[in-house]
Amino acid sequence: MAKNSQNMGKVKDLLVAEVRRRLMEEGVPRIEKCLAELSLDEVWYRPNENSNSMGNLVLHLCGNVRQWLVSGLGGAKDTRQRSAEFSEKGPVPKDVLLENLQQVMAEVDKVLDQVKGEDLTKTFEIQGFKESGLSILVHVVEHFSYHVGQMTYFVKWRKDIDTAYYGGLDLDVRSK
């Protein structure tokens, strides 16, 4: 039994490190880069009523991450108002959006510090869904990445630029 607990702890440590890397070392800097490329009007531009602006997506990611990870996994009170993330027309300044995102990531960092191996198999209820701690972590990273991809596409489309996320790396190197 002790060996199984040790293995779960190692898996948890690897997973938590990967969640941090994907959110904080990849996702957040990409959002920062995208926002830096755009004017405030572009941040709040919606091509149609069924699309979201970059500003809405940042608000949405803050709400989603806080609800799923900080409240769901971390046990903080859930105060999310999801519809407000999408109904906001702006213009909320870019620095305010980024401050909100950084605040959420600071809260996430604290929650990730507290995650235990047994939390990965524990069940939590979020938005009416019953999810394991593992599925919460996977959901947050997947959902975050999905919307960062939308933001990246918008910036590339609007500005005709290479975001150079992998600048300087040879991505044609093959695995051995």
N, C-alpha and C. Protein backbone atom coordinates (compact mmCIF):
# COMPACT_ATOMS: atom_id res chain seq x y z
N MET A 1 0.82 -1.19 0.00
CA MET A 1 0.00 0.00 0.00
C MET A 1 0.87 1.27 0.00
N ALA A 2 1.98 1.26 0.77
CA ALA A 2 2.85 2.43 0.84
C ALA A 2 3.48 2.71 -0.52
N LYS A 3 3.82 1.65 -1.26
CA LYS A 3 4.41 1.80 -2.60
C LYS A 3 3.41 2.47 -3.54
N ASN A 4 2.14 2.05 -3.48
CA ASN A 4 1.10 2.64 -4.31
C ASN A 4 0.93 4.13 -3.99
N SER A 5 0.97 4.47 -2.73
CA SER A 5 0.85 5.86 -2.28
C SER A 5 2.04 6.68 -2.78
N GLN A 6 3.23 6.09 -2.73
CA GLN A 6 4.43 6.77 -3.24
C GLN A 6 4.31 7.03 -4.73
N ASN A 7 3.85 6.02 -5.47
CA ASN A 7 3.69 6.17 -6.91
C ASN A 7 2.66 7.25 -7.24
N MET A 8 1.55 7.28 -6.50
CA MET A 8 0.52 8.29 -6.72
C MET A 8 1.10 9.68 -6.45
N GLY A 9 1.93 9.78 -5.43
CA GLY A 9 2.57 11.06 -5.13
C GLY A 9 3.50 11.51 -6.24
N LYS A 10 4.22 10.58 -6.85
CA LYS A 10 5.11 10.91 -7.97
C LYS A 10 4.31 11.34 -9.19
N VAL A 11 3.22 10.63 -9.46
CA VAL A 11 2.35 10.99 -10.59
C VAL A 11 1.77 12.38 -10.35
N LYS A 12 1.32 12.62 -9.15
CA LYS A 12 0.76 13.93 -8.81
C LYS A 12 1.80 15.02 -9.03
N ASP A 13 3.01 14.80 -8.57
CA ASP A 13 4.07 15.80 -8.73
C ASP A 13 4.34 16.10 -10.20
N LEU A 14 4.41 15.05 -11.01
CA LEU A 14 4.63 15.23 -12.46
C LEU A 14 3.47 15.98 -13.10
N LEU A 15 2.25 15.61 -12.74
CA LEU A 15 1.07 16.25 -13.32
C LEU A 15 0.99 17.72 -12.91
N VAL A 16 1.20 18.01 -11.66
CA VAL A 16 1.14 19.39 -11.18
C VAL A 16 2.21 20.24 -11.87
N ALA A 17 3.41 19.71 -12.03
CA ALA A 17 4.47 20.44 -12.72
C ALA A 17 4.08 20.72 -14.16
N GLU A 18 3.46 19.75 -14.81
CA GLU A 18 3.03 19.93 -16.20
C GLU A 18 1.89 20.94 -16.30
N VAL A 19 0.95 20.92 -15.37
CA VAL A 19 -0.13 21.91 -15.36
C VAL A 19 0.45 23.30 -15.22
N ARG A 20 1.38 23.47 -14.29
CA ARG A 20 2.03 24.78 -14.12
C ARG A 20 2.72 25.22 -15.42
N ARG A 21 3.45 24.31 -16.02
CA ARG A 21 4.19 24.65 -17.25
C ARG A 21 3.24 25.08 -18.35
N ARG A 22 2.18 24.28 -18.56
CA ARG A 22 1.26 24.57 -19.66
C ARG A 22 0.48 25.87 -19.44
N LEU A 23 0.07 26.11 -18.21
CA LEU A 23 -0.69 27.34 -17.92
C LEU A 23 0.21 28.55 -17.80
N MET A 24 1.20 28.46 -16.94
CA MET A 24 1.96 29.65 -16.54
C MET A 24 3.18 29.95 -17.40
N GLU A 25 3.79 28.92 -17.96
CA GLU A 25 4.98 29.16 -18.78
C GLU A 25 4.66 29.22 -20.27
N GLU A 26 3.55 28.63 -20.67
CA GLU A 26 3.15 28.67 -22.08
C GLU A 26 1.92 29.55 -22.28
N GLY A 27 0.81 29.20 -21.64
CA GLY A 27 -0.45 29.86 -21.90
C GLY A 27 -0.48 31.34 -21.58
N VAL A 28 -0.11 31.70 -20.36
CA VAL A 28 -0.17 33.11 -19.96
C VAL A 28 0.75 33.98 -20.82
N PRO A 29 2.01 33.60 -21.05
CA PRO A 29 2.84 34.43 -21.92
C PRO A 29 2.28 34.57 -23.35
N ARG A 30 1.61 33.56 -23.83
CA ARG A 30 1.01 33.66 -25.16
C ARG A 30 -0.15 34.65 -25.15
N ILE A 31 -0.95 34.64 -24.11
CA ILE A 31 -2.03 35.62 -23.99
C ILE A 31 -1.43 37.02 -23.91
N GLU A 32 -0.40 37.18 -23.10
CA GLU A 32 0.26 38.49 -22.98
C GLU A 32 0.77 38.97 -24.33
N LYS A 33 1.38 38.06 -25.08
CA LYS A 33 1.91 38.42 -26.41
C LYS A 33 0.78 38.81 -27.35
N CYS A 34 -0.29 38.06 -27.35
CA CYS A 34 -1.43 38.37 -28.21
C CYS A 34 -2.02 39.73 -27.86
N LEU A 35 -2.24 39.99 -26.59
CA LEU A 35 -2.82 41.27 -26.19
C LEU A 35 -1.90 42.43 -26.55
N ALA A 36 -0.59 42.23 -26.45
CA ALA A 36 0.36 43.29 -26.77
C ALA A 36 0.31 43.68 -28.24
N GLU A 37 -0.08 42.76 -29.09
CA GLU A 37 -0.13 43.01 -30.53
C GLU A 37 -1.37 43.81 -30.95
N LEU A 38 -2.35 43.91 -30.07
CA LEU A 38 -3.64 44.47 -30.45
C LEU A 38 -3.93 45.80 -29.77
N SER A 39 -4.69 46.63 -30.46
CA SER A 39 -5.22 47.85 -29.84
C SER A 39 -6.37 47.44 -28.92
N LEU A 40 -6.80 48.34 -28.07
CA LEU A 40 -7.92 48.04 -27.18
C LEU A 40 -9.18 47.75 -27.98
N ASP A 41 -9.40 48.47 -29.06
CA ASP A 41 -10.56 48.19 -29.92
C ASP A 41 -10.49 46.79 -30.50
N GLU A 42 -9.30 46.35 -30.90
CA GLU A 42 -9.15 45.00 -31.45
C GLU A 42 -9.36 43.93 -30.38
N VAL A 43 -8.94 44.21 -29.15
CA VAL A 43 -9.13 43.26 -28.06
C VAL A 43 -10.62 43.01 -27.84
N TRP A 44 -11.45 44.02 -28.08
CA TRP A 44 -12.89 43.90 -27.84
C TRP A 44 -13.70 43.71 -29.12
N TYR A 45 -13.02 43.48 -30.23
CA TYR A 45 -13.70 43.26 -31.52
C TYR A 45 -14.37 41.89 -31.53
N ARG A 46 -15.63 41.88 -32.00
CA ARG A 46 -16.38 40.63 -32.22
C ARG A 46 -16.79 40.61 -33.69
N PRO A 47 -16.40 39.57 -34.41
CA PRO A 47 -16.78 39.52 -35.82
C PRO A 47 -18.29 39.36 -36.03
N ASN A 48 -18.97 38.79 -35.03
CA ASN A 48 -20.42 38.64 -35.10
C ASN A 48 -20.93 38.34 -33.69
N GLU A 49 -22.23 38.28 -33.53
CA GLU A 49 -22.81 38.09 -32.20
C GLU A 49 -22.57 36.70 -31.60
N ASN A 50 -22.21 35.74 -32.43
CA ASN A 50 -21.95 34.39 -31.93
C ASN A 50 -20.48 34.13 -31.66
N SER A 51 -19.68 35.17 -31.75
CA SER A 51 -18.24 35.06 -31.48
C SER A 51 -17.89 35.90 -30.27
N ASN A 52 -16.79 35.55 -29.66
CA ASN A 52 -16.32 36.28 -28.49
C ASN A 52 -15.09 37.11 -28.84
N SER A 53 -14.95 38.22 -28.16
CA SER A 53 -13.75 39.03 -28.32
C SER A 53 -12.61 38.41 -27.52
N MET A 54 -11.40 38.89 -27.78
CA MET A 54 -10.25 38.45 -26.98
C MET A 54 -10.48 38.81 -25.52
N GLY A 55 -11.04 39.98 -25.28
CA GLY A 55 -11.32 40.40 -23.91
C GLY A 55 -12.26 39.43 -23.22
N ASN A 56 -13.32 39.03 -23.93
CA ASN A 56 -14.24 38.05 -23.36
C ASN A 56 -13.54 36.74 -23.05
N LEU A 57 -12.65 36.31 -23.94
CA LEU A 57 -11.95 35.04 -23.71
C LEU A 57 -11.03 35.10 -22.49
N VAL A 58 -10.38 36.24 -22.27
CA VAL A 58 -9.55 36.37 -21.08
C VAL A 58 -10.43 36.31 -19.82
N LEU A 59 -11.53 37.05 -19.83
CA LEU A 59 -12.46 36.99 -18.69
C LEU A 59 -12.97 35.57 -18.48
N HIS A 60 -13.29 34.90 -19.57
CA HIS A 60 -13.80 33.53 -19.51
C HIS A 60 -12.76 32.58 -18.92
N LEU A 61 -11.52 32.69 -19.35
CA LEU A 61 -10.47 31.82 -18.81
C LEU A 61 -10.27 32.08 -17.32
N CYS A 62 -10.29 33.34 -16.92
CA CYS A 62 -10.17 33.64 -15.49
C CYS A 62 -11.31 32.98 -14.71
N GLY A 63 -12.52 33.09 -15.22
CA GLY A 63 -13.67 32.50 -14.53
C GLY A 63 -13.60 30.99 -14.50
N ASN A 64 -13.26 30.40 -15.63
CA ASN A 64 -13.21 28.94 -15.72
C ASN A 64 -12.13 28.37 -14.81
N VAL A 65 -10.93 28.92 -14.86
CA VAL A 65 -9.83 28.41 -14.06
C VAL A 65 -10.13 28.58 -12.58
N ARG A 66 -10.68 29.73 -12.22
CA ARG A 66 -11.00 29.95 -10.81
C ARG A 66 -12.07 28.96 -10.35
N GLN A 67 -13.12 28.77 -11.18
CA GLN A 67 -14.20 27.88 -10.77
C GLN A 67 -13.72 26.43 -10.67
N TRP A 68 -13.03 25.96 -11.68
CA TRP A 68 -12.66 24.55 -11.72
C TRP A 68 -11.49 24.22 -10.79
N LEU A 69 -10.47 25.05 -10.81
CA LEU A 69 -9.27 24.70 -10.05
C LEU A 69 -9.26 25.32 -8.66
N VAL A 70 -9.47 26.63 -8.57
CA VAL A 70 -9.37 27.30 -7.28
C VAL A 70 -10.56 26.92 -6.38
N SER A 71 -11.77 26.94 -6.95
CA SER A 71 -12.95 26.57 -6.16
C SER A 71 -13.15 25.06 -6.13
N GLY A 72 -13.18 24.44 -7.30
CA GLY A 72 -13.47 23.01 -7.37
C GLY A 72 -12.45 22.16 -6.66
N LEU A 73 -11.22 22.25 -7.09
CA LEU A 73 -10.16 21.43 -6.50
C LEU A 73 -9.64 22.04 -5.19
N GLY A 74 -9.59 23.38 -5.15
CA GLY A 74 -9.01 24.05 -4.00
C GLY A 74 -9.97 24.32 -2.86
N GLY A 75 -11.27 24.25 -3.12
CA GLY A 75 -12.26 24.42 -2.07
C GLY A 75 -12.66 25.84 -1.76
N ALA A 76 -12.18 26.83 -2.53
CA ALA A 76 -12.58 28.22 -2.31
C ALA A 76 -14.05 28.39 -2.71
N LYS A 77 -14.69 29.41 -2.20
CA LYS A 77 -16.08 29.69 -2.55
C LYS A 77 -16.19 29.98 -4.05
N ASP A 78 -17.18 29.40 -4.69
CA ASP A 78 -17.41 29.60 -6.11
C ASP A 78 -18.30 30.83 -6.30
N THR A 79 -17.72 31.89 -6.83
CA THR A 79 -18.46 33.14 -7.05
C THR A 79 -18.57 33.48 -8.54
N ARG A 80 -18.31 32.52 -9.39
CA ARG A 80 -18.29 32.78 -10.82
C ARG A 80 -19.65 33.22 -11.34
N GLN A 81 -19.61 34.21 -12.23
CA GLN A 81 -20.79 34.65 -12.97
C GLN A 81 -20.47 34.49 -14.46
N ARG A 82 -20.62 33.27 -14.94
CA ARG A 82 -20.17 32.89 -16.28
C ARG A 82 -20.76 33.76 -17.38
N SER A 83 -22.04 34.06 -17.30
CA SER A 83 -22.67 34.85 -18.38
C SER A 83 -22.06 36.24 -18.49
N ALA A 84 -21.58 36.80 -17.38
CA ALA A 84 -20.95 38.12 -17.40
C ALA A 84 -19.64 38.11 -18.19
N GLU A 85 -18.98 36.97 -18.23
CA GLU A 85 -17.72 36.86 -18.99
C GLU A 85 -17.97 37.09 -20.47
N PHE A 86 -19.13 36.68 -20.94
CA PHE A 86 -19.45 36.78 -22.35
C PHE A 86 -20.26 38.03 -22.71
N SER A 87 -21.00 38.56 -21.75
CA SER A 87 -21.83 39.73 -22.05
C SER A 87 -21.05 41.03 -21.97
N GLU A 88 -19.88 41.00 -21.34
CA GLU A 88 -19.05 42.21 -21.26
C GLU A 88 -18.69 42.69 -22.66
N LYS A 89 -18.92 43.97 -22.92
CA LYS A 89 -18.61 44.55 -24.24
C LYS A 89 -17.35 45.40 -24.20
N GLY A 90 -16.83 45.63 -22.98
CA GLY A 90 -15.60 46.41 -22.86
C GLY A 90 -15.84 47.88 -23.10
N PRO A 91 -14.80 48.63 -23.18
CA PRO A 91 -13.45 48.10 -23.20
C PRO A 91 -12.81 48.06 -21.81
N VAL A 92 -12.67 46.88 -21.24
CA VAL A 92 -11.86 46.71 -20.04
C VAL A 92 -10.41 46.83 -20.51
N PRO A 93 -9.61 47.71 -19.89
CA PRO A 93 -8.23 47.90 -20.35
C PRO A 93 -7.42 46.60 -20.32
N LYS A 94 -6.46 46.50 -21.23
CA LYS A 94 -5.62 45.31 -21.32
C LYS A 94 -4.88 45.04 -20.01
N ASP A 95 -4.38 46.09 -19.36
CA ASP A 95 -3.64 45.87 -18.12
C ASP A 95 -4.54 45.31 -17.02
N VAL A 96 -5.81 45.67 -17.03
CA VAL A 96 -6.75 45.12 -16.04
C VAL A 96 -7.01 43.64 -16.35
N LEU A 97 -7.19 43.31 -17.62
CA LEU A 97 -7.37 41.90 -18.00
C LEU A 97 -6.17 41.07 -17.55
N LEU A 98 -4.97 41.59 -17.79
CA LEU A 98 -3.75 40.86 -17.42
C LEU A 98 -3.58 40.77 -15.90
N GLU A 99 -3.95 41.81 -15.18
CA GLU A 99 -3.90 41.76 -13.71
C GLU A 99 -4.84 40.68 -13.19
N ASN A 100 -6.04 40.60 -13.76
CA ASN A 100 -6.99 39.56 -13.36
C ASN A 100 -6.42 38.18 -13.63
N LEU A 101 -5.82 38.01 -14.79
CA LEU A 101 -5.23 36.72 -15.15
C LEU A 101 -4.09 36.36 -14.21
N GLN A 102 -3.23 37.31 -13.90
CA GLN A 102 -2.12 37.06 -12.98
C GLN A 102 -2.62 36.72 -11.57
N GLN A 103 -3.68 37.38 -11.14
CA GLN A 103 -4.27 37.09 -9.83
C GLN A 103 -4.78 35.66 -9.77
N VAL A 104 -5.48 35.25 -10.82
CA VAL A 104 -5.99 33.87 -10.87
C VAL A 104 -4.83 32.89 -10.86
N MET A 105 -3.79 33.17 -11.61
CA MET A 105 -2.64 32.25 -11.65
C MET A 105 -1.94 32.17 -10.29
N ALA A 106 -1.93 33.27 -9.54
CA ALA A 106 -1.36 33.23 -8.18
C ALA A 106 -2.20 32.33 -7.29
N GLU A 107 -3.52 32.39 -7.45
CA GLU A 107 -4.42 31.52 -6.68
C GLU A 107 -4.21 30.07 -7.10
N VAL A 108 -4.07 29.83 -8.39
CA VAL A 108 -3.83 28.48 -8.91
C VAL A 108 -2.54 27.92 -8.33
N ASP A 109 -1.51 28.74 -8.30
CA ASP A 109 -0.21 28.30 -7.77
C ASP A 109 -0.35 27.80 -6.33
N LYS A 110 -1.12 28.52 -5.54
CA LYS A 110 -1.34 28.11 -4.14
C LYS A 110 -2.11 26.79 -4.06
N VAL A 111 -3.12 26.65 -4.90
CA VAL A 111 -3.89 25.40 -4.91
C VAL A 111 -3.01 24.24 -5.33
N LEU A 112 -2.23 24.44 -6.37
CA LEU A 112 -1.36 23.36 -6.85
C LEU A 112 -0.34 22.94 -5.79
N ASP A 113 0.10 23.90 -4.98
CA ASP A 113 1.01 23.56 -3.88
C ASP A 113 0.35 22.64 -2.86
N GLN A 114 -0.98 22.69 -2.76
CA GLN A 114 -1.72 21.93 -1.75
C GLN A 114 -2.24 20.57 -2.24
N VAL A 115 -2.20 20.33 -3.55
CA VAL A 115 -2.76 19.10 -4.10
C VAL A 115 -2.00 17.89 -3.56
N LYS A 116 -2.76 16.89 -3.15
CA LYS A 116 -2.18 15.63 -2.66
C LYS A 116 -2.47 14.53 -3.68
N GLY A 117 -1.70 13.48 -3.64
CA GLY A 117 -1.89 12.36 -4.56
C GLY A 117 -3.31 11.82 -4.54
N GLU A 118 -3.90 11.71 -3.36
CA GLU A 118 -5.26 11.16 -3.26
C GLU A 118 -6.32 12.10 -3.85
N ASP A 119 -5.98 13.38 -4.02
CA ASP A 119 -6.92 14.33 -4.62
C ASP A 119 -7.18 13.99 -6.10
N LEU A 120 -6.25 13.30 -6.72
CA LEU A 120 -6.42 12.97 -8.14
C LEU A 120 -7.59 12.02 -8.38
N THR A 121 -7.88 11.18 -7.41
CA THR A 121 -8.97 10.21 -7.57
C THR A 121 -10.24 10.61 -6.81
N LYS A 122 -10.15 11.65 -6.03
CA LYS A 122 -11.30 12.16 -5.30
C LYS A 122 -12.29 12.80 -6.28
N THR A 123 -13.60 12.76 -5.96
CA THR A 123 -14.62 13.33 -6.82
C THR A 123 -15.06 14.70 -6.31
N PHE A 124 -15.19 15.63 -7.24
CA PHE A 124 -15.61 17.00 -6.96
C PHE A 124 -16.79 17.33 -7.87
N GLU A 125 -17.67 18.20 -7.43
CA GLU A 125 -18.78 18.64 -8.28
C GLU A 125 -18.55 20.08 -8.71
N ILE A 126 -18.53 20.28 -10.03
CA ILE A 126 -18.29 21.61 -10.62
C ILE A 126 -19.25 21.80 -11.77
N GLN A 127 -19.97 22.90 -11.77
CA GLN A 127 -20.94 23.22 -12.81
C GLN A 127 -21.94 22.08 -13.02
N GLY A 128 -22.21 21.32 -12.00
CA GLY A 128 -23.13 20.20 -12.11
C GLY A 128 -22.49 18.91 -12.59
N PHE A 129 -21.19 18.95 -12.90
CA PHE A 129 -20.46 17.76 -13.33
C PHE A 129 -19.74 17.14 -12.15
N LYS A 130 -19.67 15.84 -12.10
CA LYS A 130 -18.87 15.13 -11.10
C LYS A 130 -17.55 14.76 -11.77
N GLU A 131 -16.47 15.31 -11.23
CA GLU A 131 -15.15 15.17 -11.86
C GLU A 131 -14.12 14.73 -10.84
N SER A 132 -13.15 13.95 -11.27
CA SER A 132 -12.02 13.61 -10.41
C SER A 132 -11.04 14.79 -10.41
N GLY A 133 -10.16 14.80 -9.42
CA GLY A 133 -9.12 15.82 -9.40
C GLY A 133 -8.27 15.76 -10.66
N LEU A 134 -7.98 14.56 -11.13
CA LEU A 134 -7.23 14.39 -12.36
C LEU A 134 -7.96 15.02 -13.54
N SER A 135 -9.24 14.75 -13.66
CA SER A 135 -9.99 15.30 -14.80
C SER A 135 -10.11 16.82 -14.71
N ILE A 136 -10.14 17.37 -13.50
CA ILE A 136 -10.15 18.84 -13.34
C ILE A 136 -8.86 19.43 -13.89
N LEU A 137 -7.74 18.85 -13.54
CA LEU A 137 -6.46 19.37 -14.02
C LEU A 137 -6.34 19.26 -15.54
N VAL A 138 -6.76 18.13 -16.08
CA VAL A 138 -6.72 17.95 -17.54
C VAL A 138 -7.67 18.94 -18.21
N HIS A 139 -8.88 19.07 -17.68
CA HIS A 139 -9.86 20.00 -18.26
C HIS A 139 -9.31 21.42 -18.30
N VAL A 140 -8.75 21.88 -17.19
CA VAL A 140 -8.29 23.27 -17.12
C VAL A 140 -7.20 23.53 -18.16
N VAL A 141 -6.24 22.61 -18.28
CA VAL A 141 -5.16 22.80 -19.26
C VAL A 141 -5.72 22.74 -20.68
N GLU A 142 -6.56 21.77 -20.96
CA GLU A 142 -7.13 21.62 -22.31
C GLU A 142 -7.97 22.84 -22.68
N HIS A 143 -8.82 23.26 -21.79
CA HIS A 143 -9.71 24.40 -22.04
C HIS A 143 -8.91 25.69 -22.23
N PHE A 144 -7.91 25.88 -21.39
CA PHE A 144 -7.05 27.06 -21.48
C PHE A 144 -6.35 27.10 -22.84
N SER A 145 -5.76 25.97 -23.21
CA SER A 145 -5.04 25.87 -24.47
C SER A 145 -5.95 26.12 -25.68
N TYR A 146 -7.15 25.60 -25.60
CA TYR A 146 -8.13 25.77 -26.68
C TYR A 146 -8.38 27.25 -26.94
N HIS A 147 -8.62 28.02 -25.88
CA HIS A 147 -8.92 29.43 -26.05
C HIS A 147 -7.67 30.25 -26.38
N VAL A 148 -6.51 29.85 -25.89
CA VAL A 148 -5.27 30.52 -26.29
C VAL A 148 -5.06 30.32 -27.80
N GLY A 149 -5.41 29.15 -28.30
CA GLY A 149 -5.33 28.91 -29.74
C GLY A 149 -6.26 29.83 -30.52
N GLN A 150 -7.46 30.05 -30.01
CA GLN A 150 -8.38 31.00 -30.67
C GLN A 150 -7.78 32.40 -30.70
N MET A 151 -7.19 32.81 -29.59
CA MET A 151 -6.58 34.14 -29.52
C MET A 151 -5.43 34.26 -30.50
N THR A 152 -4.61 33.22 -30.57
CA THR A 152 -3.48 33.21 -31.49
C THR A 152 -3.96 33.31 -32.93
N TYR A 153 -4.98 32.55 -33.27
CA TYR A 153 -5.52 32.61 -34.62
C TYR A 153 -6.01 34.02 -34.94
N PHE A 154 -6.71 34.64 -34.01
CA PHE A 154 -7.22 35.99 -34.24
C PHE A 154 -6.08 36.96 -34.50
N VAL A 155 -5.02 36.91 -33.69
CA VAL A 155 -3.89 37.82 -33.87
C VAL A 155 -3.20 37.58 -35.21
N LYS A 156 -3.01 36.32 -35.57
CA LYS A 156 -2.39 36.02 -36.86
C LYS A 156 -3.25 36.51 -38.02
N TRP A 157 -4.54 36.33 -37.90
CA TRP A 157 -5.47 36.78 -38.93
C TRP A 157 -5.49 38.30 -39.02
N ARG A 158 -5.59 38.95 -37.89
CA ARG A 158 -5.75 40.41 -37.84
C ARG A 158 -4.46 41.14 -38.20
N LYS A 159 -3.32 40.61 -37.76
CA LYS A 159 -2.04 41.31 -37.91
C LYS A 159 -1.11 40.71 -38.96
N ASP A 160 -1.44 39.53 -39.47
CA ASP A 160 -0.58 38.84 -40.42
C ASP A 160 0.86 38.75 -39.90
N ILE A 161 0.98 38.19 -38.69
CA ILE A 161 2.30 38.02 -38.08
C ILE A 161 2.49 36.57 -37.64
N ASP A 162 3.76 36.23 -37.48
CA ASP A 162 4.13 34.95 -36.87
C ASP A 162 4.31 35.24 -35.38
N THR A 163 3.57 34.57 -34.55
CA THR A 163 3.69 34.81 -33.11
C THR A 163 5.00 34.28 -32.54
N ALA A 164 5.69 33.46 -33.30
CA ALA A 164 7.03 32.96 -32.95
C ALA A 164 7.09 32.34 -31.55
N TYR A 165 6.06 31.60 -31.20
CA TYR A 165 6.07 30.93 -29.90
C TYR A 165 7.25 29.98 -29.77
N TYR A 166 7.67 29.42 -30.87
CA TYR A 166 8.79 28.49 -30.85
C TYR A 166 9.99 29.08 -31.58
N GLY A 167 10.08 30.40 -31.60
CA GLY A 167 11.17 31.08 -32.28
C GLY A 167 12.53 30.55 -31.86
N GLY A 168 13.38 30.29 -32.82
CA GLY A 168 14.72 29.81 -32.52
C GLY A 168 14.84 28.31 -32.35
N LEU A 169 13.71 27.61 -32.32
CA LEU A 169 13.76 26.16 -32.17
C LEU A 169 13.58 25.50 -33.54
N ASP A 170 14.30 24.42 -33.75
CA ASP A 170 14.13 23.64 -34.98
C ASP A 170 13.09 22.57 -34.71
N LEU A 171 11.87 22.81 -35.15
CA LEU A 171 10.79 21.89 -34.88
C LEU A 171 10.73 20.74 -35.89
N ASP A 172 11.68 20.72 -36.80
CA ASP A 172 11.75 19.62 -37.76
C ASP A 172 12.66 18.50 -37.28
N VAL A 173 13.23 18.64 -36.08
CA VAL A 173 14.07 17.58 -35.52
C VAL A 173 13.19 16.37 -35.24
N ARG A 174 13.68 15.21 -35.63
CA ARG A 174 12.90 13.98 -35.46
C ARG A 174 13.31 13.25 -34.20
N SER A 175 12.34 12.56 -33.62
CA SER A 175 12.63 11.75 -32.44
C SER A 175 13.51 10.58 -32.82
N LYS A 176 14.34 10.17 -31.89
CA LYS A 176 15.26 9.04 -32.17
C LYS A 176 14.63 7.75 -31.79
